[in-house]
Amino acid sequence: MIKGKESFIKNVSRCLGRDKVEASPSPFTMPSDVQQQVFKDADRQELKQLFRKNSEANGTLVFECAEADLQQTLLEAIGSFEEGSVIIGDHSYFRDQVIITALQEKLSTCYLWDMGKSREENMENAETAMVGITMAECGLAESATAILFSHKGSGRSVSLLPSYSITVVKAADLRPRLTQGMEFLKTLKAPLPASINFVSGASSTADIELVHVKGVHGPLKIAYVVVD
């Protein structure tokens, strides 16, 4: 028998502002849709602010621009890294915005992941590039995550092999969290790509003597360009 149990519980109850000790604990009800409630009322501007805040918290650079200023903003983002060649994924959005042609005209060495070239040649260009530029299918504000599809226009090489990575994310494609990200994947009518990458900043580890090292399994640093 535990002595002093009742007086101990009464003291805890008083500290919690309760006049008496309940005969039994009140039932705990967990709503089944709790994951849907987090940031559910956040508008686009709030999601942008949350995405930026969490990106910067994990060391990711964030640039914001209007669609008309995307070319100049990409050049600014590229300039924040070491000088070298650039490789850009062949995404329909970049072609629609004439970004591929514009960057190739402005930069001394800018490769396109070209489906007309061999896999080996494309991968060699990605391996030697200082900066890789990709397009996110959507972004998750809570974890500052970019969802990238592997496709013939880039595979995973453009985002993983260069020393630095720039990912373009449309503000309209920002979603609150992983819950909505998975719902987005469910809406896709076409077959899912061979690989879907959830990227939340540069990879890092502190396994060896608790020394924090970034860029262990990919780029040393990542930047997001959020386009309104």
C-alpha atoms as a PDB file:
ATOM      1  CA  MET A   1       0.000   0.000   0.000  1.00  0.00           C
ATOM      2  CA  ILE A   2       1.308   3.434  -0.972  1.00  0.00           C
ATOM      3  CA  LYS A   3       1.253   5.810   1.964  1.00  0.00           C
ATOM      4  CA  GLY A   4       0.359   9.468   1.459  1.00  0.00           C
ATOM      5  CA  LYS A   5      -0.994   8.836  -2.047  1.00  0.00           C
ATOM      6  CA  GLU A   6      -4.278  10.651  -1.473  1.00  0.00           C
ATOM      7  CA  SER A   7      -2.694  13.748   0.066  1.00  0.00           C
ATOM      8  CA  PHE A   8      -0.101  13.853  -2.714  1.00  0.00           C
ATOM      9  CA  ILE A   9      -2.781  13.738  -5.422  1.00  0.00           C
ATOM     10  CA  LYS A  10      -4.855  16.402  -3.604  1.00  0.00           C
ATOM     11  CA  ASN A  11      -1.808  18.664  -3.527  1.00  0.00           C
ATOM     12  CA  VAL A  12      -1.237  18.168  -7.273  1.00  0.00           C
ATOM     13  CA  SER A  13      -4.937  18.914  -7.905  1.00  0.00           C
ATOM     14  CA  ARG A  14      -4.726  22.155  -5.919  1.00  0.00           C
ATOM     15  CA  CYS A  15      -1.671  23.214  -7.926  1.00  0.00           C
ATOM     16  CA  LEU A  16      -3.662  22.590 -11.104  1.00  0.00           C
ATOM     17  CA  GLY A  17      -6.534  24.698  -9.807  1.00  0.00           C
ATOM     18  CA  ARG A  18      -8.906  21.798  -9.162  1.00  0.00           C
ATOM     19  CA  ASP A  19     -11.095  21.754  -6.087  1.00  0.00           C
ATOM     20  CA  LYS A  20     -11.408  18.001  -5.843  1.00  0.00           C
ATOM     21  CA  VAL A  21      -9.841  14.823  -7.058  1.00  0.00           C
ATOM     22  CA  GLU A  22     -11.879  13.133  -9.759  1.00  0.00           C
ATOM     23  CA  ALA A  23     -12.897   9.539  -9.115  1.00  0.00           C
ATOM     24  CA  SER A  24     -11.469   8.551 -12.511  1.00  0.00           C
ATOM     25  CA  PRO A  25      -9.616  10.356 -15.293  1.00  0.00           C
ATOM     26  CA  SER A  26     -11.741  12.193 -17.814  1.00  0.00           C
ATOM     27  CA  PRO A  27     -11.824  10.417 -21.192  1.00  0.00           C
ATOM     28  CA  PHE A  28      -9.303  11.622 -23.735  1.00  0.00           C
ATOM     29  CA  THR A  29     -10.758  12.087 -27.189  1.00  0.00           C
ATOM     30  CA  MET A  30      -8.354  12.412 -30.075  1.00  0.00           C
ATOM     31  CA  PRO A  31     -10.013  13.795 -33.212  1.00  0.00           C
ATOM     32  CA  SER A  32      -9.294  11.613 -36.213  1.00  0.00           C
ATOM     33  CA  ASP A  33      -8.572  14.591 -38.470  1.00  0.00           C
ATOM     34  CA  VAL A  34      -6.156  16.450 -36.185  1.00  0.00           C
ATOM     35  CA  GLN A  35      -3.490  16.456 -38.916  1.00  0.00           C
ATOM     36  CA  GLN A  36      -5.904  18.342 -41.176  1.00  0.00           C
ATOM     37  CA  GLN A  37      -6.348  21.174 -38.695  1.00  0.00           C
ATOM     38  CA  VAL A  38      -2.737  22.407 -38.550  1.00  0.00           C
ATOM     39  CA  PHE A  39      -2.408  25.635 -40.587  1.00  0.00           C
ATOM     40  CA  LYS A  40      -5.696  24.809 -42.346  1.00  0.00           C
ATOM     41  CA  ASP A  41      -6.742  28.490 -42.406  1.00  0.00           C
ATOM     42  CA  ALA A  42      -3.364  29.848 -43.527  1.00  0.00           C
ATOM     43  CA  ASP A  43      -3.556  31.915 -46.707  1.00  0.00           C
ATOM     44  CA  ARG A  44      -0.877  32.083 -49.403  1.00  0.00           C
ATOM     45  CA  GLN A  45       0.968  34.952 -47.738  1.00  0.00           C
ATOM     46  CA  GLU A  46       1.074  33.149 -44.388  1.00  0.00           C
ATOM     47  CA  LEU A  47       2.323  29.954 -46.048  1.00  0.00           C
ATOM     48  CA  LYS A  48       5.045  31.949 -47.816  1.00  0.00           C
ATOM     49  CA  GLN A  49       6.167  33.478 -44.520  1.00  0.00           C
ATOM     50  CA  LEU A  50       6.151  30.093 -42.784  1.00  0.00           C
ATOM     51  CA  PHE A  51       8.038  28.474 -45.664  1.00  0.00           C
ATOM     52  CA  ARG A  52      10.663  31.224 -45.579  1.00  0.00           C
ATOM     53  CA  LYS A  53      11.029  31.142 -41.789  1.00  0.00           C
ATOM     54  CA  ASN A  54      11.551  27.377 -41.658  1.00  0.00           C
ATOM     55  CA  SER A  55      13.839  27.401 -44.702  1.00  0.00           C
ATOM     56  CA  GLU A  56      16.132  29.975 -43.142  1.00  0.00           C
ATOM     57  CA  ALA A  57      16.074  28.060 -39.850  1.00  0.00           C
ATOM     58  CA  ASN A  58      17.716  25.079 -41.541  1.00  0.00           C
ATOM     59  CA  GLY A  59      20.230  27.197 -43.448  1.00  0.00           C
ATOM     60  CA  THR A  60      18.441  27.407 -46.800  1.00  0.00           C
ATOM     61  CA  LEU A  61      18.615  30.702 -48.695  1.00  0.00           C
ATOM     62  CA  VAL A  62      15.265  32.099 -49.845  1.00  0.00           C
ATOM     63  CA  PHE A  63      14.644  34.524 -52.703  1.00  0.00           C
ATOM     64  CA  GLU A  64      11.184  35.858 -53.576  1.00  0.00           C
ATOM     65  CA  CYS A  65      10.097  37.417 -56.831  1.00  0.00           C
ATOM     66  CA  ALA A  66       7.262  38.028 -59.249  1.00  0.00           C
ATOM     67  CA  GLU A  67       7.138  35.757 -62.275  1.00  0.00           C
ATOM     68  CA  ALA A  68       8.355  38.576 -64.513  1.00  0.00           C
ATOM     69  CA  ASP A  69      11.517  38.890 -62.393  1.00  0.00           C
ATOM     70  CA  LEU A  70      12.368  35.179 -62.267  1.00  0.00           C
ATOM     71  CA  GLN A  71      15.310  35.405 -64.651  1.00  0.00           C
ATOM     72  CA  GLN A  72      17.020  38.202 -62.702  1.00  0.00           C
ATOM     73  CA  THR A  73      16.312  36.521 -59.369  1.00  0.00           C
ATOM     74  CA  LEU A  74      17.818  33.251 -60.578  1.00  0.00           C
ATOM     75  CA  LEU A  75      20.955  35.130 -61.633  1.00  0.00           C
ATOM     76  CA  GLU A  76      21.071  36.711 -58.164  1.00  0.00           C
ATOM     77  CA  ALA A  77      20.682  33.294 -56.519  1.00  0.00           C
ATOM     78  CA  ILE A  78      23.413  31.808 -58.717  1.00  0.00           C
ATOM     79  CA  GLY A  79      25.679  34.720 -57.780  1.00  0.00           C
ATOM     80  CA  SER A  80      25.329  33.878 -54.087  1.00  0.00           C
ATOM     81  CA  PHE A  81      27.304  30.664 -54.668  1.00  0.00           C
ATOM     82  CA  GLU A  82      30.789  29.979 -56.008  1.00  0.00           C
ATOM     83  CA  GLU A  83      31.396  30.781 -59.658  1.00  0.00           C
ATOM     84  CA  GLY A  84      31.217  27.876 -62.079  1.00  0.00           C
ATOM     85  CA  SER A  85      29.071  26.131 -64.633  1.00  0.00           C
ATOM     86  CA  VAL A  86      25.302  25.818 -64.205  1.00  0.00           C
ATOM     87  CA  ILE A  87      22.961  23.006 -65.219  1.00  0.00           C
ATOM     88  CA  ILE A  88      19.209  23.469 -65.476  1.00  0.00           C
ATOM     89  CA  GLY A  89      16.511  20.819 -65.600  1.00  0.00           C
ATOM     90  CA  ASP A  90      14.357  20.661 -68.718  1.00  0.00           C
ATOM     91  CA  HIS A  91      11.018  21.562 -67.111  1.00  0.00           C
ATOM     92  CA  SER A  92       7.995  22.865 -69.030  1.00  0.00           C
ATOM     93  CA  TYR A  93       7.687  25.840 -66.639  1.00  0.00           C
ATOM     94  CA  PHE A  94      11.218  26.997 -67.466  1.00  0.00           C
ATOM     95  CA  ARG A  95      10.453  26.742 -71.175  1.00  0.00           C
ATOM     96  CA  ASP A  96       7.177  28.657 -70.785  1.00  0.00           C
ATOM     97  CA  GLN A  97       9.025  31.457 -69.011  1.00  0.00           C
ATOM     98  CA  VAL A  98      11.895  31.349 -71.545  1.00  0.00           C
ATOM     99  CA  ILE A  99      14.240  30.805 -68.588  1.00  0.00           C
ATOM    100  CA  ILE A 100      16.421  28.168 -70.250  1.00  0.00           C
ATOM    101  CA  THR A 101      17.273  30.376 -73.255  1.00  0.00           C
ATOM    102  CA  ALA A 102      17.724  33.481 -71.081  1.00  0.00           C
ATOM    103  CA  LEU A 103      20.173  31.795 -68.693  1.00  0.00           C
ATOM    104  CA  GLN A 104      22.162  30.242 -71.518  1.00  0.00           C
ATOM    105  CA  GLU A 105      22.531  33.716 -73.057  1.00  0.00           C
ATOM    106  CA  LYS A 106      23.558  35.366 -69.778  1.00  0.00           C
ATOM    107  CA  LEU A 107      25.903  32.720 -68.354  1.00  0.00           C
ATOM    108  CA  SER A 108      29.221  31.700 -69.862  1.00  0.00           C
ATOM    109  CA  THR A 109      28.591  27.997 -69.195  1.00  0.00           C
ATOM    110  CA  CYS A 110      25.004  26.843 -68.743  1.00  0.00           C
ATOM    111  CA  TYR A 111      24.068  23.278 -69.597  1.00  0.00           C
ATOM    112  CA  LEU A 112      20.594  21.908 -70.137  1.00  0.00           C
ATOM    113  CA  TRP A 113      19.757  18.381 -69.056  1.00  0.00           C
ATOM    114  CA  ASP A 114      19.149  17.479 -72.669  1.00  0.00           C
ATOM    115  CA  MET A 115      17.043  14.402 -73.457  1.00  0.00           C
ATOM    116  CA  GLY A 116      18.702  14.356 -76.872  1.00  0.00           C
ATOM    117  CA  LYS A 117      22.075  13.636 -75.231  1.00  0.00           C
ATOM    118  CA  SER A 118      23.243  10.429 -73.633  1.00  0.00           C
ATOM    119  CA  ARG A 119      22.702   9.750 -69.934  1.00  0.00           C
ATOM    120  CA  GLU A 120      26.462   9.707 -69.405  1.00  0.00           C
ATOM    121  CA  GLU A 121      26.974  13.134 -70.990  1.00  0.00           C
ATOM    122  CA  ASN A 122      24.143  14.670 -68.982  1.00  0.00           C
ATOM    123  CA  MET A 123      25.441  13.193 -65.741  1.00  0.00           C
ATOM    124  CA  GLU A 124      28.961  14.401 -66.453  1.00  0.00           C
ATOM    125  CA  ASN A 125      27.631  17.939 -66.928  1.00  0.00           C
ATOM    126  CA  ALA A 126      25.732  17.645 -63.629  1.00  0.00           C
ATOM    127  CA  GLU A 127      28.737  16.275 -61.744  1.00  0.00           C
ATOM    128  CA  THR A 128      31.010  19.106 -62.876  1.00  0.00           C
ATOM    129  CA  ALA A 129      28.409  21.877 -62.448  1.00  0.00           C
ATOM    130  CA  MET A 130      28.707  24.288 -59.554  1.00  0.00           C
ATOM    131  CA  VAL A 131      24.934  25.008 -59.470  1.00  0.00           C
ATOM    132  CA  GLY A 132      21.917  22.909 -60.456  1.00  0.00           C
ATOM    133  CA  ILE A 133      18.480  24.472 -61.016  1.00  0.00           C
ATOM    134  CA  THR A 134      15.293  22.444 -60.626  1.00  0.00           C
ATOM    135  CA  MET A 135      11.536  23.030 -60.404  1.00  0.00           C
ATOM    136  CA  ALA A 136       9.491  21.809 -57.433  1.00  0.00           C
ATOM    137  CA  GLU A 137       6.071  20.289 -58.000  1.00  0.00           C
ATOM    138  CA  CYS A 138       4.995  21.806 -54.686  1.00  0.00           C
ATOM    139  CA  GLY A 139       6.391  23.000 -51.360  1.00  0.00           C
ATOM    140  CA  LEU A 140       5.483  22.186 -47.746  1.00  0.00           C
ATOM    141  CA  ALA A 141       5.564  25.229 -45.472  1.00  0.00           C
ATOM    142  CA  GLU A 142       5.791  23.478 -42.087  1.00  0.00           C
ATOM    143  CA  SER A 143       9.039  21.671 -42.904  1.00  0.00           C
ATOM    144  CA  ALA A 144      10.373  23.933 -45.700  1.00  0.00           C
ATOM    145  CA  THR A 145      10.256  20.930 -48.029  1.00  0.00           C
ATOM    146  CA  ALA A 146      10.375  20.921 -51.826  1.00  0.00           C
ATOM    147  CA  ILE A 147       8.792  17.939 -53.585  1.00  0.00           C
ATOM    148  CA  LEU A 148      10.807  17.075 -56.696  1.00  0.00           C
ATOM    149  CA  PHE A 149       9.824  14.571 -59.347  1.00  0.00           C
ATOM    150  CA  SER A 150      12.397  12.472 -61.137  1.00  0.00           C
ATOM    151  CA  HIS A 151      11.709  12.686 -64.876  1.00  0.00           C
ATOM    152  CA  LYS A 152      13.524  12.534 -68.196  1.00  0.00           C
ATOM    153  CA  GLY A 153      14.186  16.265 -68.053  1.00  0.00           C
ATOM    154  CA  SER A 154      16.498  15.995 -65.037  1.00  0.00           C
ATOM    155  CA  GLY A 155      16.241  12.787 -63.064  1.00  0.00           C
ATOM    156  CA  ARG A 156      17.733  13.354 -59.623  1.00  0.00           C
ATOM    157  CA  SER A 157      21.126  14.393 -60.938  1.00  0.00           C
ATOM    158  CA  VAL A 158      20.428  18.115 -61.397  1.00  0.00           C
ATOM    159  CA  SER A 159      19.417  18.555 -57.744  1.00  0.00           C
ATOM    160  CA  LEU A 160      21.922  16.157 -56.141  1.00  0.00           C
ATOM    161  CA  LEU A 161      25.203  16.175 -58.096  1.00  0.00           C
ATOM    162  CA  PRO A 162      26.177  19.899 -58.357  1.00  0.00           C
ATOM    163  CA  SER A 163      27.882  21.598 -55.406  1.00  0.00           C
ATOM    164  CA  TYR A 164      24.899  23.908 -54.894  1.00  0.00           C
ATOM    165  CA  SER A 165      21.211  23.576 -55.699  1.00  0.00           C
ATOM    166  CA  ILE A 166      18.504  26.117 -56.543  1.00  0.00           C
ATOM    167  CA  THR A 167      14.872  25.022 -56.512  1.00  0.00           C
ATOM    168  CA  VAL A 168      12.090  27.173 -57.950  1.00  0.00           C
ATOM    169  CA  VAL A 169       8.788  26.907 -56.067  1.00  0.00           C
ATOM    170  CA  LYS A 170       5.593  28.645 -57.154  1.00  0.00           C
ATOM    171  CA  ALA A 171       3.835  30.344 -54.212  1.00  0.00           C
ATOM    172  CA  ALA A 172       0.533  28.987 -55.514  1.00  0.00           C
ATOM    173  CA  ASP A 173       1.928  25.464 -55.037  1.00  0.00           C
ATOM    174  CA  LEU A 174       2.791  25.903 -51.352  1.00  0.00           C
ATOM    175  CA  ARG A 175       0.848  23.613 -49.026  1.00  0.00           C
ATOM    176  CA  PRO A 176       0.742  23.585 -45.225  1.00  0.00           C
ATOM    177  CA  ARG A 177       2.430  20.266 -44.415  1.00  0.00           C
ATOM    178  CA  LEU A 178       3.115  16.642 -45.334  1.00  0.00           C
ATOM    179  CA  THR A 179      -0.594  15.760 -44.984  1.00  0.00           C
ATOM    180  CA  GLN A 180      -1.479  18.044 -47.884  1.00  0.00           C
ATOM    181  CA  GLY A 181       1.615  16.961 -49.778  1.00  0.00           C
ATOM    182  CA  MET A 182       0.433  13.347 -49.772  1.00  0.00           C
ATOM    183  CA  GLU A 183      -3.052  14.484 -50.808  1.00  0.00           C
ATOM    184  CA  PHE A 184      -1.451  16.274 -53.753  1.00  0.00           C
ATOM    185  CA  LEU A 185       0.232  13.046 -54.866  1.00  0.00           C
ATOM    186  CA  LYS A 186      -3.098  11.234 -54.684  1.00  0.00           C
ATOM    187  CA  THR A 187      -4.633  13.702 -57.135  1.00  0.00           C
ATOM    188  CA  LEU A 188      -2.146  12.876 -59.897  1.00  0.00           C
ATOM    189  CA  LYS A 189      -3.873  11.100 -62.753  1.00  0.00           C
ATOM    190  CA  ALA A 190      -0.753  10.027 -64.639  1.00  0.00           C
ATOM    191  CA  PRO A 191       1.449   7.243 -63.206  1.00  0.00           C
ATOM    192  CA  LEU A 192       3.751   8.468 -60.448  1.00  0.00           C
ATOM    193  CA  PRO A 193       7.377   9.093 -61.425  1.00  0.00           C
ATOM    194  CA  ALA A 194      10.066   6.536 -60.645  1.00  0.00           C
ATOM    195  CA  SER A 195      11.351   8.718 -57.826  1.00  0.00           C
ATOM    196  CA  ILE A 196       9.753  11.438 -55.681  1.00  0.00           C
ATOM    197  CA  ASN A 197      12.202  13.369 -53.524  1.00  0.00           C
ATOM    198  CA  PHE A 198      11.225  15.349 -50.426  1.00  0.00           C
ATOM    199  CA  VAL A 199      14.078  17.827 -49.918  1.00  0.00           C
ATOM    200  CA  SER A 200      14.222  19.883 -46.717  1.00  0.00           C
ATOM    201  CA  GLY A 201      17.538  21.689 -46.987  1.00  0.00           C
ATOM    202  CA  ALA A 202      21.054  20.404 -47.455  1.00  0.00           C
ATOM    203  CA  SER A 203      21.732  17.014 -45.905  1.00  0.00           C
ATOM    204  CA  SER A 204      23.807  17.043 -42.738  1.00  0.00           C
ATOM    205  CA  THR A 205      25.115  14.778 -40.024  1.00  0.00           C
ATOM    206  CA  ALA A 206      26.811  14.994 -36.641  1.00  0.00           C
ATOM    207  CA  ASP A 207      27.520  11.277 -36.313  1.00  0.00           C
ATOM    208  CA  ILE A 208      31.308  11.623 -36.252  1.00  0.00           C
ATOM    209  CA  GLU A 209      32.439  13.073 -32.910  1.00  0.00           C
ATOM    210  CA  LEU A 210      29.312  15.302 -32.870  1.00  0.00           C
ATOM    211  CA  VAL A 211      30.833  17.547 -35.535  1.00  0.00           C
ATOM    212  CA  HIS A 212      28.055  19.042 -37.672  1.00  0.00           C
ATOM    213  CA  VAL A 213      28.842  18.563 -41.363  1.00  0.00           C
ATOM    214  CA  LYS A 214      26.559  19.750 -44.175  1.00  0.00           C
ATOM    215  CA  GLY A 215      26.308  18.495 -47.725  1.00  0.00           C
ATOM    216  CA  VAL A 216      27.015  14.882 -46.837  1.00  0.00           C
ATOM    217  CA  HIS A 217      24.718  13.320 -49.432  1.00  0.00           C
ATOM    218  CA  GLY A 218      24.251  16.130 -51.911  1.00  0.00           C
ATOM    219  CA  PRO A 219      24.746  19.889 -52.409  1.00  0.00           C
ATOM    220  CA  LEU A 220      26.671  21.884 -49.827  1.00  0.00           C
ATOM    221  CA  LYS A 221      23.934  24.498 -49.751  1.00  0.00           C
ATOM    222  CA  ILE A 222      20.427  24.958 -51.131  1.00  0.00           C
ATOM    223  CA  ALA A 223      18.427  28.014 -52.194  1.00  0.00           C
ATOM    224  CA  TYR A 224      14.713  28.371 -52.890  1.00  0.00           C
ATOM    225  CA  VAL A 225      13.271  30.888 -55.314  1.00  0.00           C
ATOM    226  CA  VAL A 226       9.600  31.441 -54.439  1.00  0.00           C
ATOM    227  CA  VAL A 227       7.677  32.842 -57.410  1.00  0.00           C
ATOM    228  CA  ASP A 228       4.394  34.746 -57.018  1.00  0.00           C
END
